[in-house]
Amino acid sequence: MGRALYSILEWITRFAYINVLWIFFTLAGGVILGLFPATVAMFSLIRQWLRGNSDMPIFPSFWNYFKEEFWKSNRLGIIFYLIAFIVGFNLIFLHANIGELLTWTSAPLLAGLLLFILLIIYIFPTYVHYDLNVLKIIKNAFFMILVSPIHSFFIIISLAAFYTIVSVIPALGLAFGASFYSFITLWFALHAFAKMEQKQKR
């Protein structure tokens, strides 16, 4: 019992620590230049944990991933910042003119927003799991959306459940928000990748 409790507390500490590192490195990069490298570093480290490599030193590993992927991840970030700007601009426009627009005109934008959210969910697992250039990362992430609807459904349900818990206990979001998001999406995404790779082998 004591050993199990120690293991649970150790993993809670790990997730809290990597969440702090993610916040620190994101801010250190001025948010815009720090967000994508810090997120890639977090996903890379948690992927190692899920693959059984839990003995890696956290800070040195995080720092190495951050440095190595800084420029490549920010090239990906520029693309997503542009997409987010376009989607956000259209949402603001739609909200400001909702009384003058027919309701059906919002459907393509909402569908595009859903697609963008799913793309964000798969983009980082795809980035850290495959050694691809930026455009192929986006292409593969989009492909996973199409071939893994069940995994996408469970990811959304799990994230919604976590969001509900965070809404009740906001401190959990501050302490574990990014790291738990990473763990949830990676856990399902790695299963989706393995299933797809098995089909390709057949």
Protein backbone atom coordinates (compact mmCIF):
# COMPACT_ATOMS: atom_id res chain seq x y z
CA MET A 1 0.00 0.00 0.00
CA GLY A 2 2.79 2.41 0.94
CA ARG A 3 4.70 1.64 -2.26
CA ALA A 4 1.59 2.22 -4.39
CA LEU A 5 0.90 5.53 -2.65
CA TYR A 6 4.52 6.60 -3.17
CA SER A 7 4.28 5.75 -6.88
CA ILE A 8 1.05 7.74 -7.25
CA LEU A 9 2.55 10.77 -5.50
CA GLU A 10 5.69 10.49 -7.62
CA TRP A 11 3.68 10.61 -10.85
CA ILE A 12 1.54 13.48 -9.58
CA THR A 13 4.77 15.37 -8.87
CA ARG A 14 6.12 14.54 -12.34
CA PHE A 15 3.03 15.91 -14.08
CA ALA A 16 2.99 19.03 -11.91
CA TYR A 17 6.70 19.61 -12.56
CA ILE A 18 6.46 19.24 -16.33
CA ASN A 19 3.42 21.56 -16.29
CA VAL A 20 5.51 24.21 -14.49
CA LEU A 21 8.30 23.75 -17.03
CA TRP A 22 5.81 24.16 -19.88
CA ILE A 23 4.52 27.44 -18.41
CA PHE A 24 8.05 28.73 -17.71
CA PHE A 25 9.47 27.94 -21.17
CA THR A 26 6.35 29.25 -22.91
CA LEU A 27 6.73 32.56 -21.08
CA ALA A 28 10.51 32.54 -21.62
CA GLY A 29 9.86 32.48 -25.35
CA GLY A 30 7.52 35.44 -25.11
CA VAL A 31 4.55 33.04 -25.49
CA ILE A 32 4.49 33.32 -29.30
CA LEU A 33 7.99 31.83 -29.78
CA GLY A 34 7.83 29.69 -26.66
CA LEU A 35 4.44 27.99 -26.94
CA PHE A 36 5.15 25.46 -29.68
CA PRO A 37 8.70 24.44 -28.59
CA ALA A 38 7.56 24.07 -24.97
CA THR A 39 4.53 22.03 -26.00
CA VAL A 40 6.62 19.79 -28.25
CA ALA A 41 9.10 19.27 -25.40
CA MET A 42 6.29 18.34 -23.02
CA PHE A 43 4.69 15.93 -25.51
CA SER A 44 8.08 14.37 -26.31
CA LEU A 45 8.83 13.69 -22.67
CA ILE A 46 5.38 12.30 -21.87
CA ARG A 47 5.61 10.09 -24.96
CA GLN A 48 8.81 8.62 -23.51
CA TRP A 49 6.97 7.95 -20.24
CA LEU A 50 4.14 6.20 -22.05
CA ARG A 51 6.68 4.05 -23.88
CA GLY A 52 8.20 2.93 -20.59
CA ASN A 53 11.18 5.32 -20.41
CA SER A 54 10.21 6.89 -17.11
CA ASP A 55 13.74 7.22 -15.73
CA MET A 56 14.74 10.11 -17.98
CA PRO A 57 15.80 13.24 -16.05
CA ILE A 58 12.94 15.69 -16.49
CA PHE A 59 14.56 19.11 -16.72
CA PRO A 60 17.59 18.18 -18.91
CA SER A 61 15.33 16.17 -21.24
CA PHE A 62 12.77 18.97 -21.48
CA TRP A 63 15.51 21.53 -22.17
CA ASN A 64 17.10 19.36 -24.88
CA TYR A 65 13.78 18.82 -26.65
CA PHE A 66 13.04 22.54 -26.41
CA LYS A 67 16.38 23.50 -27.98
CA GLU A 68 16.37 20.83 -30.68
CA GLU A 69 12.83 21.51 -31.86
CA PHE A 70 12.76 25.30 -31.39
CA TRP A 71 12.95 26.38 -35.03
CA LYS A 72 11.05 23.52 -36.60
CA SER A 73 8.20 23.76 -34.08
CA ASN A 74 7.97 27.52 -34.57
CA ARG A 75 7.66 27.05 -38.34
CA LEU A 76 4.67 24.87 -37.55
CA GLY A 77 3.52 27.48 -35.06
CA ILE A 78 3.50 30.25 -37.67
CA ILE A 79 1.11 28.21 -39.83
CA PHE A 80 -1.22 27.58 -36.91
CA TYR A 81 -1.11 31.18 -35.72
CA LEU A 82 -2.21 32.27 -39.20
CA ILE A 83 -5.02 29.71 -39.27
CA ALA A 84 -6.10 30.71 -35.76
CA PHE A 85 -6.13 34.37 -36.80
CA ILE A 86 -8.31 33.64 -39.82
CA VAL A 87 -10.72 31.46 -37.83
CA GLY A 88 -10.83 33.98 -34.97
CA PHE A 89 -11.43 36.90 -37.31
CA ASN A 90 -14.32 35.08 -38.97
CA LEU A 91 -15.84 34.12 -35.62
CA ILE A 92 -15.71 37.75 -34.46
CA PHE A 93 -17.22 38.88 -37.75
CA LEU A 94 -19.97 36.27 -37.46
CA HIS A 95 -20.73 37.26 -33.89
CA ALA A 96 -20.85 40.97 -34.79
CA ASN A 97 -23.17 40.39 -37.74
CA ILE A 98 -25.22 37.45 -36.51
CA GLY A 99 -28.44 39.40 -36.85
CA GLU A 100 -27.80 40.09 -40.54
CA LEU A 101 -26.63 36.59 -41.55
CA LEU A 102 -28.70 33.52 -42.24
CA THR A 103 -28.08 30.74 -39.74
CA TRP A 104 -26.90 28.28 -42.39
CA THR A 105 -23.99 30.55 -43.30
CA SER A 106 -22.33 29.78 -39.95
CA ALA A 107 -22.23 26.02 -40.61
CA PRO A 108 -19.05 25.98 -42.76
CA LEU A 109 -17.22 28.14 -40.24
CA LEU A 110 -18.28 25.95 -37.31
CA ALA A 111 -17.26 22.84 -39.26
CA GLY A 112 -13.92 24.48 -40.00
CA LEU A 113 -13.52 25.35 -36.31
CA LEU A 114 -14.18 21.73 -35.31
CA LEU A 115 -11.65 20.54 -37.89
CA PHE A 116 -9.09 23.04 -36.59
CA ILE A 117 -9.62 21.82 -33.00
CA LEU A 118 -9.15 18.19 -34.06
CA LEU A 119 -6.05 19.17 -36.01
CA ILE A 120 -4.59 20.81 -32.89
CA ILE A 121 -5.36 17.64 -30.92
CA TYR A 122 -3.44 15.42 -33.35
CA ILE A 123 -0.68 17.80 -34.45
CA PHE A 124 1.60 17.43 -31.42
CA PRO A 125 1.29 13.63 -31.07
CA THR A 126 2.06 13.37 -34.80
CA TYR A 127 5.00 15.75 -34.43
CA VAL A 128 6.69 13.80 -31.62
CA HIS A 129 5.87 10.31 -32.92
CA TYR A 130 7.03 10.68 -36.52
CA ASP A 131 10.16 12.30 -37.94
CA LEU A 132 8.52 14.40 -40.66
CA ASN A 133 8.79 17.89 -42.09
CA VAL A 134 6.21 20.49 -41.14
CA LEU A 135 3.86 20.04 -44.10
CA LYS A 136 3.85 16.25 -43.74
CA ILE A 137 3.12 16.61 -40.02
CA ILE A 138 -0.02 18.60 -40.88
CA LYS A 139 -0.95 16.13 -43.63
CA ASN A 140 -0.56 13.11 -41.33
CA ALA A 141 -2.46 14.80 -38.49
CA PHE A 142 -5.32 15.55 -40.88
CA PHE A 143 -5.21 11.93 -42.11
CA MET A 144 -5.51 10.68 -38.51
CA ILE A 145 -8.66 12.76 -38.07
CA LEU A 146 -10.22 10.95 -41.02
CA VAL A 147 -9.19 7.39 -40.13
CA SER A 148 -9.59 7.53 -36.32
CA PRO A 149 -13.05 8.95 -35.54
CA ILE A 150 -13.50 6.67 -32.52
CA HIS A 151 -10.20 7.76 -30.95
CA SER A 152 -11.08 11.40 -31.69
CA PHE A 153 -14.43 10.90 -29.95
CA PHE A 154 -12.82 9.46 -26.82
CA ILE A 155 -10.20 12.22 -26.76
CA ILE A 156 -12.91 14.89 -26.87
CA ILE A 157 -14.98 13.11 -24.20
CA SER A 158 -11.94 12.72 -21.93
CA LEU A 159 -10.89 16.35 -22.39
CA ALA A 160 -14.46 17.49 -21.73
CA ALA A 161 -14.53 15.44 -18.52
CA PHE A 162 -11.21 16.92 -17.42
CA TYR A 163 -12.49 20.42 -18.24
CA THR A 164 -15.56 19.76 -16.08
CA ILE A 165 -13.35 18.74 -13.16
CA VAL A 166 -11.13 21.82 -13.67
CA SER A 167 -14.23 24.04 -13.71
CA VAL A 168 -15.08 22.75 -10.24
CA ILE A 169 -11.47 22.79 -8.97
CA PRO A 170 -9.62 25.53 -10.94
CA ALA A 171 -6.35 24.87 -9.09
CA LEU A 172 -6.08 21.55 -10.91
CA GLY A 173 -6.04 23.38 -14.22
CA LEU A 174 -3.14 25.55 -13.11
CA ALA A 175 -1.18 22.62 -11.70
CA PHE A 176 -1.90 19.95 -14.31
CA GLY A 177 -3.81 21.52 -17.22
CA ALA A 178 -1.20 21.28 -19.98
CA SER A 179 0.42 18.04 -18.82
CA PHE A 180 -2.89 16.19 -18.42
CA TYR A 181 -4.04 17.47 -21.81
CA SER A 182 -0.82 16.13 -23.29
CA PHE A 183 -1.20 12.77 -21.54
CA ILE A 184 -4.83 12.30 -22.59
CA THR A 185 -4.29 13.17 -26.25
CA LEU A 186 -1.03 11.19 -26.49
CA TRP A 187 -2.49 8.08 -24.86
CA PHE A 188 -5.32 7.83 -27.38
CA ALA A 189 -3.23 9.08 -30.31
CA LEU A 190 -0.50 6.48 -29.76
CA HIS A 191 -3.15 3.76 -29.78
CA ALA A 192 -4.54 5.20 -33.02
CA PHE A 193 -1.05 5.29 -34.56
CA ALA A 194 -0.39 1.68 -33.54
CA LYS A 195 -3.70 0.53 -35.00
CA MET A 196 -3.02 2.34 -38.26
CA GLU A 197 0.52 0.92 -38.49
CA GLN A 198 -0.82 -2.60 -37.94
CA LYS A 199 -3.29 -2.14 -40.81
CA GLN A 200 -0.50 -0.89 -43.06
CA LYS A 201 1.62 -3.98 -42.27
CA ARG A 202 -1.26 -6.26 -43.24
